[in-house]
């Protein structure tokens, strides 16, 4: 790699790092909201809502296409995020 390209690469990586930190802030906020949602659930079987998951994934696909983002990337990210939060809810569920 040429020195010029190496410098460009480093700048792009720094931009990615900044974006990653912003994503972490967003994930923190999302986690706080998920905790509030979980506090409203009375039974563990209320954690997985397949109908809602399907709707979310359809909407993400639609928005991705509209914004010219590869839907395979966003679908994979959202599926992982959804199932990670389902796991989080199951681990943090408290019987009432």
PDB file of N, CA and C in Angstrom:
ATOM      1  N   UNK A   1       0.853  -1.175   0.000  1.00  0.00           N
ATOM      2  CA  UNK A   1       0.000   0.000   0.000  1.00  0.00           C
ATOM      3  C   UNK A   1       0.907   1.249   0.000  1.00  0.00           C
ATOM      4  N   UNK A   2       0.534   2.177  -0.810  1.00  0.00           N
ATOM      5  CA  UNK A   2       1.335   3.401  -0.896  1.00  0.00           C
ATOM      6  C   UNK A   2       1.163   4.241   0.376  1.00  0.00           C
ATOM      7  N   UNK A   3       2.113   5.079   0.712  1.00  0.00           N
ATOM      8  CA  UNK A   3       1.997   5.944   1.903  1.00  0.00           C
ATOM      9  C   UNK A   3       0.753   6.837   1.851  1.00  0.00           C
ATOM     10  N   UNK A   4       0.436   7.299   0.654  1.00  0.00           N
ATOM     11  CA  UNK A   4      -0.751   8.158   0.482  1.00  0.00           C
ATOM     12  C   UNK A   4      -2.030   7.378   0.830  1.00  0.00           C
ATOM     13  N   UNK A   5      -2.108   6.162   0.321  1.00  0.00           N
ATOM     14  CA  UNK A   5      -3.285   5.329   0.608  1.00  0.00           C
ATOM     15  C   UNK A   5      -3.337   4.897   2.071  1.00  0.00           C
ATOM     16  N   UNK A   6      -2.179   4.684   2.650  1.00  0.00           N
ATOM     17  CA  UNK A   6      -2.120   4.306   4.061  1.00  0.00           C
ATOM     18  C   UNK A   6      -2.668   5.433   4.934  1.00  0.00           C
ATOM     19  N   UNK A   7      -2.327   6.653   4.568  1.00  0.00           N
ATOM     20  CA  UNK A   7      -2.820   7.821   5.297  1.00  0.00           C
ATOM     21  C   UNK A   7      -4.345   7.930   5.152  1.00  0.00           C
ATOM     22  N   UNK A   8      -4.834   7.717   3.929  1.00  0.00           N
ATOM     23  CA  UNK A   8      -6.285   7.751   3.683  1.00  0.00           C
ATOM     24  C   UNK A   8      -6.992   6.661   4.493  1.00  0.00           C
ATOM     25  N   UNK A   9      -6.389   5.498   4.503  1.00  0.00           N
ATOM     26  CA  UNK A   9      -6.955   4.379   5.264  1.00  0.00           C
ATOM     27  C   UNK A   9      -7.066   4.729   6.743  1.00  0.00           C
ATOM     28  N   UNK A  10      -6.027   5.303   7.294  1.00  0.00           N
ATOM     29  CA  UNK A  10      -6.033   5.681   8.712  1.00  0.00           C
ATOM     30  C   UNK A  10      -7.111   6.721   9.010  1.00  0.00           C
ATOM     31  N   UNK A  11      -7.284   7.678   8.113  1.00  0.00           N
ATOM     32  CA  UNK A  11      -8.330   8.696   8.295  1.00  0.00           C
ATOM     33  C   UNK A  11      -9.724   8.065   8.257  1.00  0.00           C
ATOM     34  N   UNK A  12      -9.907   7.161   7.319  1.00  0.00           N
ATOM     35  CA  UNK A  12     -11.208   6.480   7.224  1.00  0.00           C
ATOM     36  C   UNK A  12     -11.472   5.619   8.465  1.00  0.00           C
ATOM     37  N   UNK A  13     -10.456   4.977   8.962  1.00  0.00           N
ATOM     38  CA  UNK A  13     -10.616   4.165  10.171  1.00  0.00           C
ATOM     39  C   UNK A  13     -10.959   5.027  11.375  1.00  0.00           C
ATOM     40  N   UNK A  14     -10.382   6.213  11.441  1.00  0.00           N
ATOM     41  CA  UNK A  14     -10.723   7.131  12.535  1.00  0.00           C
ATOM     42  C   UNK A  14     -12.182   7.549  12.444  1.00  0.00           C
ATOM     43  N   UNK A  15     -12.647   7.796  11.229  1.00  0.00           N
ATOM     44  CA  UNK A  15     -14.066   8.142  11.040  1.00  0.00           C
ATOM     45  C   UNK A  15     -14.969   6.987  11.464  1.00  0.00           C
ATOM     46  N   UNK A  16     -14.548   5.769  11.128  1.00  0.00           N
ATOM     47  CA  UNK A  16     -15.308   4.586  11.547  1.00  0.00           C
ATOM     48  C   UNK A  16     -15.332   4.462  13.066  1.00  0.00           C
ATOM     49  N   UNK A  17     -14.210   4.716  13.703  1.00  0.00           N
ATOM     50  CA  UNK A  17     -14.138   4.656  15.165  1.00  0.00           C
ATOM     51  C   UNK A  17     -15.105   5.651  15.806  1.00  0.00           C
ATOM     52  N   UNK A  18     -15.149   6.864  15.286  1.00  0.00           N
ATOM     53  CA  UNK A  18     -16.072   7.873  15.817  1.00  0.00           C
ATOM     54  C   UNK A  18     -17.514   7.418  15.651  1.00  0.00           C
ATOM     55  N   UNK A  19     -17.802   6.865  14.500  1.00  0.00           N
ATOM     56  CA  UNK A  19     -19.155   6.369  14.245  1.00  0.00           C
ATOM     57  C   UNK A  19     -19.497   5.217  15.195  1.00  0.00           C
ATOM     58  N   UNK A  20     -18.540   4.344  15.442  1.00  0.00           N
ATOM     59  CA  UNK A  20     -18.746   3.230  16.375  1.00  0.00           C
ATOM     60  C   UNK A  20     -19.117   3.737  17.772  1.00  0.00           C
ATOM     61  N   UNK A  21     -18.441   4.798  18.219  1.00  0.00           N
ATOM     62  CA  UNK A  21     -18.750   5.346  19.544  1.00  0.00           C
ATOM     63  C   UNK A  21     -20.155   5.952  19.582  1.00  0.00           C
ATOM     64  N   UNK A  22     -20.566   6.558  18.471  1.00  0.00           N
ATOM     65  CA  UNK A  22     -21.936   7.080  18.409  1.00  0.00           C
ATOM     66  C   UNK A  22     -22.945   5.928  18.434  1.00  0.00           C
ATOM     67  N   UNK A  23     -22.614   4.842  17.758  1.00  0.00           N
ATOM     68  CA  UNK A  23     -23.490   3.665  17.782  1.00  0.00           C
ATOM     69  C   UNK A  23     -23.599   3.098  19.203  1.00  0.00           C
ATOM     70  N   UNK A  24     -22.491   3.099  19.928  1.00  0.00           N
ATOM     71  CA  UNK A  24     -22.525   2.614  21.312  1.00  0.00           C
ATOM     72  C   UNK A  24     -23.475   3.455  22.170  1.00  0.00           C
ATOM     73  N   UNK A  25     -23.470   4.756  21.976  1.00  0.00           N
ATOM     74  CA  UNK A  25     -24.398   5.628  22.710  1.00  0.00           C
ATOM     75  C   UNK A  25     -25.843   5.273  22.373  1.00  0.00           C
ATOM     76  N   UNK A  26     -26.095   5.015  21.096  1.00  0.00           N
ATOM     77  CA  UNK A  26     -27.444   4.644  20.652  1.00  0.00           C
ATOM     78  C   UNK A  26     -27.855   3.298  21.241  1.00  0.00           C
ATOM     79  N   UNK A  27     -26.927   2.351  21.280  1.00  0.00           N
ATOM     80  CA  UNK A  27     -27.220   1.033  21.862  1.00  0.00           C
ATOM     81  C   UNK A  27     -27.532   1.175  23.351  1.00  0.00           C
ATOM     82  N   UNK A  28     -26.819   2.030  24.031  1.00  0.00           N
ATOM     83  CA  UNK A  28     -27.099   2.282  25.456  1.00  0.00           C
ATOM     84  C   UNK A  28     -28.529   2.790  25.637  1.00  0.00           C
ATOM     85  N   UNK A  29     -28.925   3.767  24.820  1.00  0.00           N
ATOM     86  CA  UNK A  29     -30.292   4.306  24.894  1.00  0.00           C
ATOM     87  C   UNK A  29     -31.325   3.221  24.579  1.00  0.00           C
ATOM     88  N   UNK A  30     -31.028   2.410  23.574  1.00  0.00           N
ATOM     89  CA  UNK A  30     -31.960   1.341  23.194  1.00  0.00           C
ATOM     90  C   UNK A  30     -32.111   0.330  24.332  1.00  0.00           C
ATOM     91  N   UNK A  31     -31.002   0.010  24.974  1.00  0.00           N
ATOM     92  CA  UNK A  31     -31.029  -0.930  26.085  1.00  0.00           C
ATOM     93  C   UNK A  31     -31.886  -0.394  27.237  1.00  0.00           C
ATOM     94  N   UNK A  32     -31.778   0.884  27.515  1.00  0.00           N
ATOM     95  CA  UNK A  32     -32.592   1.494  28.574  1.00  0.00           C
ATOM     96  C   UNK A  32     -34.080   1.385  28.250  1.00  0.00           C
ATOM     97  N   UNK A  33     -34.440   1.584  26.988  1.00  0.00           N
ATOM     98  CA  UNK A  33     -35.848   1.470  26.587  1.00  0.00           C
ATOM     99  C   UNK A  33     -36.304   0.009  26.672  1.00  0.00           C
ATOM    100  N   UNK A  34     -35.448  -0.915  26.234  1.00  0.00           N
ATOM    101  CA  UNK A  34     -35.790  -2.338  26.314  1.00  0.00           C
ATOM    102  C   UNK A  34     -36.020  -2.743  27.776  1.00  0.00           C
ATOM    103  N   UNK A  35     -35.236  -2.206  28.694  1.00  0.00           N
ATOM    104  CA  UNK A  35     -35.429  -2.506  30.117  1.00  0.00           C
ATOM    105  C   UNK A  35     -36.807  -2.032  30.582  1.00  0.00           C
ATOM    106  N   UNK A  36     -37.238  -0.880  30.110  1.00  0.00           N
ATOM    107  CA  UNK A  36     -38.566  -0.370  30.473  1.00  0.00           C
ATOM    108  C   UNK A  36     -39.658  -1.255  29.882  1.00  0.00           C
ATOM    109  N   UNK A  37     -39.461  -1.679  28.644  1.00  0.00           N
ATOM    110  CA  UNK A  37     -40.426  -2.581  28.002  1.00  0.00           C
ATOM    111  C   UNK A  37     -40.506  -3.877  28.803  1.00  0.00           C
ATOM    112  N   UNK A  38     -39.364  -4.412  29.179  1.00  0.00           N
ATOM    113  CA  UNK A  38     -39.324  -5.659  29.937  1.00  0.00           C
ATOM    114  C   UNK A  38     -40.067  -5.538  31.266  1.00  0.00           C
ATOM    115  N   UNK A  39     -39.966  -4.402  31.895  1.00  0.00           N
ATOM    116  CA  UNK A  39     -40.635  -4.212  33.189  1.00  0.00           C
ATOM    117  C   UNK A  39     -42.162  -4.272  33.056  1.00  0.00           C
ATOM    118  N   UNK A  40     -42.672  -4.098  31.850  1.00  0.00           N
ATOM    119  CA  UNK A  40     -44.120  -4.154  31.620  1.00  0.00           C
ATOM    120  C   UNK A  40     -44.614  -5.578  31.343  1.00  0.00           C
ATOM    121  N   UNK A  41     -43.712  -6.505  31.114  1.00  0.00           N
ATOM    122  CA  UNK A  41     -44.090  -7.883  30.781  1.00  0.00           C
ATOM    123  C   UNK A  41     -44.274  -8.704  32.051  1.00  0.00           C
ATOM    124  N   UNK A  42     -45.378  -9.428  32.082  1.00  0.00           N
ATOM    125  CA  UNK A  42     -45.700 -10.234  33.260  1.00  0.00           C
ATOM    126  C   UNK A  42     -45.209 -11.664  33.149  1.00  0.00           C
ATOM    127  N   UNK A  43     -45.124 -12.155  31.912  1.00  0.00           N
ATOM    128  CA  UNK A  43     -44.758 -13.548  31.699  1.00  0.00           C
ATOM    129  C   UNK A  43     -43.607 -13.646  30.708  1.00  0.00           C
ATOM    130  N   UNK A  44     -42.743 -14.613  30.938  1.00  0.00           N
ATOM    131  CA  UNK A  44     -41.558 -14.787  30.098  1.00  0.00           C
ATOM    132  C   UNK A  44     -41.941 -15.064  28.632  1.00  0.00           C
ATOM    133  N   UNK A  45     -43.091 -15.700  28.428  1.00  0.00           N
ATOM    134  CA  UNK A  45     -43.489 -16.003  27.052  1.00  0.00           C
ATOM    135  C   UNK A  45     -43.929 -14.756  26.267  1.00  0.00           C
ATOM    136  N   UNK A  46     -43.967 -13.611  26.930  1.00  0.00           N
ATOM    137  CA  UNK A  46     -44.291 -12.355  26.243  1.00  0.00           C
ATOM    138  C   UNK A  46     -43.047 -11.723  25.610  1.00  0.00           C
ATOM    139  N   UNK A  47     -41.901 -12.299  25.872  1.00  0.00           N
ATOM    140  CA  UNK A  47     -40.650 -11.708  25.392  1.00  0.00           C
ATOM    141  C   UNK A  47     -40.528 -11.795  23.870  1.00  0.00           C
ATOM    142  N   UNK A  48     -40.802 -12.949  23.293  1.00  0.00           N
ATOM    143  CA  UNK A  48     -40.666 -13.110  21.839  1.00  0.00           C
ATOM    144  C   UNK A  48     -42.020 -12.859  21.173  1.00  0.00           C
ATOM    145  N   UNK A  49     -42.047 -11.837  20.322  1.00  0.00           N
ATOM    146  CA  UNK A  49     -43.254 -11.497  19.567  1.00  0.00           C
ATOM    147  C   UNK A  49     -42.910 -11.639  18.083  1.00  0.00           C
ATOM    148  N   UNK A  50     -43.171 -12.827  17.547  1.00  0.00           N
ATOM    149  CA  UNK A  50     -42.760 -13.142  16.174  1.00  0.00           C
ATOM    150  C   UNK A  50     -43.408 -12.217  15.144  1.00  0.00           C
ATOM    151  N   UNK A  51     -44.637 -11.835  15.405  1.00  0.00           N
ATOM    152  CA  UNK A  51     -45.330 -10.930  14.480  1.00  0.00           C
ATOM    153  C   UNK A  51     -44.604  -9.583  14.422  1.00  0.00           C
ATOM    154  N   UNK A  52     -44.222  -9.072  15.586  1.00  0.00           N
ATOM    155  CA  UNK A  52     -43.498  -7.798  15.632  1.00  0.00           C
ATOM    156  C   UNK A  52     -42.125  -7.913  14.972  1.00  0.00           C
ATOM    157  N   UNK A  53     -41.440  -9.023  15.195  1.00  0.00           N
ATOM    158  CA  UNK A  53     -40.125  -9.233  14.575  1.00  0.00           C
ATOM    159  C   UNK A  53     -40.252  -9.201  13.056  1.00  0.00           C
ATOM    160  N   UNK A  54     -41.251  -9.892  12.526  1.00  0.00           N
ATOM    161  CA  UNK A  54     -41.482  -9.908  11.083  1.00  0.00           C
ATOM    162  C   UNK A  54     -41.744  -8.504  10.551  1.00  0.00           C
ATOM    163  N   UNK A  55     -42.569  -7.756  11.269  1.00  0.00           N
ATOM    164  CA  UNK A  55     -42.885  -6.382  10.858  1.00  0.00           C
ATOM    165  C   UNK A  55     -41.633  -5.503  10.873  1.00  0.00           C
ATOM    166  N   UNK A  56     -40.849  -5.610  11.927  1.00  0.00           N
ATOM    167  CA  UNK A  56     -39.623  -4.815  12.035  1.00  0.00           C
ATOM    168  C   UNK A  56     -38.694  -5.124  10.855  1.00  0.00           C
ATOM    169  N   UNK A  57     -38.489  -6.394  10.570  1.00  0.00           N
ATOM    170  CA  UNK A  57     -37.562  -6.777   9.506  1.00  0.00           C
ATOM    171  C   UNK A  57     -38.067  -6.328   8.133  1.00  0.00           C
ATOM    172  N   UNK A  58     -39.369  -6.385   7.917  1.00  0.00           N
ATOM    173  CA  UNK A  58     -39.936  -5.884   6.650  1.00  0.00           C
ATOM    174  C   UNK A  58     -39.695  -4.385   6.523  1.00  0.00           C
ATOM    175  N   UNK A  59     -39.933  -3.651   7.611  1.00  0.00           N
ATOM    176  CA  UNK A  59     -39.736  -2.204   7.585  1.00  0.00           C
ATOM    177  C   UNK A  59     -38.269  -1.833   7.372  1.00  0.00           C
ATOM    178  N   UNK A  60     -37.377  -2.570   7.997  1.00  0.00           N
ATOM    179  CA  UNK A  60     -35.946  -2.305   7.834  1.00  0.00           C
ATOM    180  C   UNK A  60     -35.525  -2.571   6.392  1.00  0.00           C
ATOM    181  N   UNK A  61     -36.047  -3.620   5.825  1.00  0.00           N
ATOM    182  CA  UNK A  61     -35.731  -3.919   4.415  1.00  0.00           C
ATOM    183  C   UNK A  61     -36.219  -2.796   3.504  1.00  0.00           C
ATOM    184  N   UNK A  62     -37.441  -2.380   3.729  1.00  0.00           N
ATOM    185  CA  UNK A  62     -38.028  -1.314   2.919  1.00  0.00           C
ATOM    186  C   UNK A  62     -37.213  -0.015   3.042  1.00  0.00           C
ATOM    187  N   UNK A  63     -36.885   0.357   4.274  1.00  0.00           N
ATOM    188  CA  UNK A  63     -36.100   1.576   4.508  1.00  0.00           C
ATOM    189  C   UNK A  63     -34.700   1.466   3.916  1.00  0.00           C
ATOM    190  N   UNK A  64     -34.122   0.292   4.008  1.00  0.00           N
ATOM    191  CA  UNK A  64     -32.784   0.077   3.461  1.00  0.00           C
ATOM    192  C   UNK A  64     -32.782   0.301   1.953  1.00  0.00           C
ATOM    193  N   UNK A  65     -33.758  -0.276   1.287  1.00  0.00           N
ATOM    194  CA  UNK A  65     -33.852  -0.106  -0.164  1.00  0.00           C
ATOM    195  C   UNK A  65     -34.079   1.357  -0.525  1.00  0.00           C
ATOM    196  N   UNK A  66     -34.942   2.016   0.240  1.00  0.00           N
ATOM    197  CA  UNK A  66     -35.234   3.426  -0.009  1.00  0.00           C
ATOM    198  C   UNK A  66     -33.983   4.288   0.151  1.00  0.00           C
ATOM    199  N   UNK A  67     -33.125   3.921   1.103  1.00  0.00           N
ATOM    200  CA  UNK A  67     -31.913   4.703   1.391  1.00  0.00           C
ATOM    201  C   UNK A  67     -30.676   4.181   0.654  1.00  0.00           C
ATOM    202  N   UNK A  68     -30.918   3.220  -0.227  1.00  0.00           N
ATOM    203  CA  UNK A  68     -29.839   2.653  -1.026  1.00  0.00           C
ATOM    204  C   UNK A  68     -28.754   1.993  -0.160  1.00  0.00           C
ATOM    205  N   UNK A  69     -29.207   1.205   0.814  1.00  0.00           N
ATOM    206  CA  UNK A  69     -28.313   0.416   1.676  1.00  0.00           C
ATOM    207  C   UNK A  69     -28.572  -1.051   1.357  1.00  0.00           C
ATOM    208  N   UNK A  70     -27.520  -1.819   1.286  1.00  0.00           N
ATOM    209  CA  UNK A  70     -27.673  -3.243   1.003  1.00  0.00           C
ATOM    210  C   UNK A  70     -28.547  -3.882   2.081  1.00  0.00           C
ATOM    211  N   UNK A  71     -29.748  -4.367   1.719  1.00  0.00           N
ATOM    212  CA  UNK A  71     -30.664  -4.925   2.722  1.00  0.00           C
ATOM    213  C   UNK A  71     -30.137  -6.182   3.416  1.00  0.00           C
ATOM    214  N   UNK A  72     -29.222  -6.884   2.774  1.00  0.00           N
ATOM    215  CA  UNK A  72     -28.650  -8.068   3.432  1.00  0.00           C
ATOM    216  C   UNK A  72     -27.865  -7.654   4.674  1.00  0.00           C
ATOM    217  N   UNK A  73     -27.183  -6.522   4.578  1.00  0.00           N
ATOM    218  CA  UNK A  73     -26.415  -6.024   5.725  1.00  0.00           C
ATOM    219  C   UNK A  73     -27.367  -5.640   6.854  1.00  0.00           C
ATOM    220  N   UNK A  74     -28.360  -4.840   6.549  1.00  0.00           N
ATOM    221  CA  UNK A  74     -29.262  -4.356   7.605  1.00  0.00           C
ATOM    222  C   UNK A  74     -30.110  -5.484   8.186  1.00  0.00           C
ATOM    223  N   UNK A  75     -30.532  -6.417   7.355  1.00  0.00           N
ATOM    224  CA  UNK A  75     -31.309  -7.555   7.863  1.00  0.00           C
ATOM    225  C   UNK A  75     -30.487  -8.355   8.857  1.00  0.00           C
ATOM    226  N   UNK A  76     -29.248  -8.604   8.512  1.00  0.00           N
ATOM    227  CA  UNK A  76     -28.379  -9.386   9.398  1.00  0.00           C
ATOM    228  C   UNK A  76     -28.139  -8.633  10.711  1.00  0.00           C
ATOM    229  N   UNK A  77     -27.881  -7.329  10.613  1.00  0.00           N
ATOM    230  CA  UNK A  77     -27.642  -6.526  11.817  1.00  0.00           C
ATOM    231  C   UNK A  77     -28.883  -6.542  12.707  1.00  0.00           C
ATOM    232  N   UNK A  78     -30.055  -6.291  12.115  1.00  0.00           N
ATOM    233  CA  UNK A  78     -31.275  -6.212  12.936  1.00  0.00           C
ATOM    234  C   UNK A  78     -31.656  -7.570  13.512  1.00  0.00           C
ATOM    235  N   UNK A  79     -31.495  -8.640  12.754  1.00  0.00           N
ATOM    236  CA  UNK A  79     -31.798  -9.971  13.305  1.00  0.00           C
ATOM    237  C   UNK A  79     -30.910 -10.245  14.519  1.00  0.00           C
ATOM    238  N   UNK A  80     -29.629  -9.949  14.374  1.00  0.00           N
ATOM    239  CA  UNK A  80     -28.707 -10.164  15.495  1.00  0.00           C
ATOM    240  C   UNK A  80     -29.070  -9.285  16.682  1.00  0.00           C
ATOM    241  N   UNK A  81     -29.419  -8.043  16.401  1.00  0.00           N
ATOM    242  CA  UNK A  81     -29.777  -7.135  17.487  1.00  0.00           C
ATOM    243  C   UNK A  81     -31.057  -7.617  18.191  1.00  0.00           C
ATOM    244  N   UNK A  82     -32.052  -7.979  17.413  1.00  0.00           N
ATOM    245  CA  UNK A  82     -33.317  -8.450  17.993  1.00  0.00           C
ATOM    246  C   UNK A  82     -33.065  -9.662  18.887  1.00  0.00           C
ATOM    247  N   UNK A  83     -32.337 -10.653  18.376  1.00  0.00           N
ATOM    248  CA  UNK A  83     -32.118 -11.865  19.167  1.00  0.00           C
ATOM    249  C   UNK A  83     -31.182 -11.618  20.343  1.00  0.00           C
ATOM    250  N   UNK A  84     -30.301 -10.654  20.217  1.00  0.00           N
ATOM    251  CA  UNK A  84     -29.456 -10.287  21.363  1.00  0.00           C
ATOM    252  C   UNK A  84     -30.301  -9.659  22.466  1.00  0.00           C
ATOM    253  N   UNK A  85     -31.249  -8.822  22.090  1.00  0.00           N
ATOM    254  CA  UNK A  85     -32.125  -8.214  23.084  1.00  0.00           C
ATOM    255  C   UNK A  85     -33.127  -9.221  23.657  1.00  0.00           C
ATOM    256  N   UNK A  86     -33.535 -10.184  22.866  1.00  0.00           N
ATOM    257  CA  UNK A  86     -34.395 -11.253  23.397  1.00  0.00           C
ATOM    258  C   UNK A  86     -33.622 -12.016  24.469  1.00  0.00           C
ATOM    259  N   UNK A  87     -32.388 -12.329  24.177  1.00  0.00           N
ATOM    260  CA  UNK A  87     -31.531 -12.995  25.170  1.00  0.00           C
ATOM    261  C   UNK A  87     -31.377 -12.121  26.415  1.00  0.00           C
ATOM    262  N   UNK A  88     -31.145 -10.836  26.214  1.00  0.00           N
ATOM    263  CA  UNK A  88     -31.032  -9.887  27.322  1.00  0.00           C
ATOM    264  C   UNK A  88     -32.308  -9.901  28.178  1.00  0.00           C
ATOM    265  N   UNK A  89     -33.460  -9.856  27.526  1.00  0.00           N
ATOM    266  CA  UNK A  89     -34.730  -9.857  28.263  1.00  0.00           C
ATOM    267  C   UNK A  89     -34.919 -11.153  29.044  1.00  0.00           C
ATOM    268  N   UNK A  90     -34.584 -12.271  28.429  1.00  0.00           N
ATOM    269  CA  UNK A  90     -34.733 -13.565  29.116  1.00  0.00           C
ATOM    270  C   UNK A  90     -33.826 -13.635  30.349  1.00  0.00           C
ATOM    271  N   UNK A  91     -32.624 -13.107  30.211  1.00  0.00           N
ATOM    272  CA  UNK A  91     -31.694 -13.129  31.342  1.00  0.00           C
ATOM    273  C   UNK A  91     -32.109 -12.170  32.457  1.00  0.00           C
ATOM    274  N   UNK A  92     -32.839 -11.131  32.108  1.00  0.00           N
ATOM    275  CA  UNK A  92     -33.198 -10.108  33.089  1.00  0.00           C
ATOM    276  C   UNK A  92     -34.663 -10.130  33.500  1.00  0.00           C
ATOM    277  N   UNK A  93     -35.396 -11.105  33.019  1.00  0.00           N
ATOM    278  CA  UNK A  93     -36.813 -11.187  33.372  1.00  0.00           C
ATOM    279  C   UNK A  93     -36.981 -11.520  34.852  1.00  0.00           C
ATOM    280  N   UNK A  94     -37.838 -10.753  35.498  1.00  0.00           N
ATOM    281  CA  UNK A  94     -38.133 -10.990  36.922  1.00  0.00           C
ATOM    282  C   UNK A  94     -39.620 -11.321  37.050  1.00  0.00           C
ATOM    283  N   UNK A  95     -39.899 -12.448  37.655  1.00  0.00           N
ATOM    284  CA  UNK A  95     -41.306 -12.802  37.886  1.00  0.00           C
ATOM    285  C   UNK A  95     -41.944 -11.817  38.828  1.00  0.00           C
ATOM    286  N   UNK A  96     -43.207 -11.537  38.574  1.00  0.00           N
ATOM    287  CA  UNK A  96     -43.933 -10.603  39.451  1.00  0.00           C
ATOM    288  C   UNK A  96     -44.783 -11.350  40.431  1.00  0.00           C
TER     289      UNK A  96
END
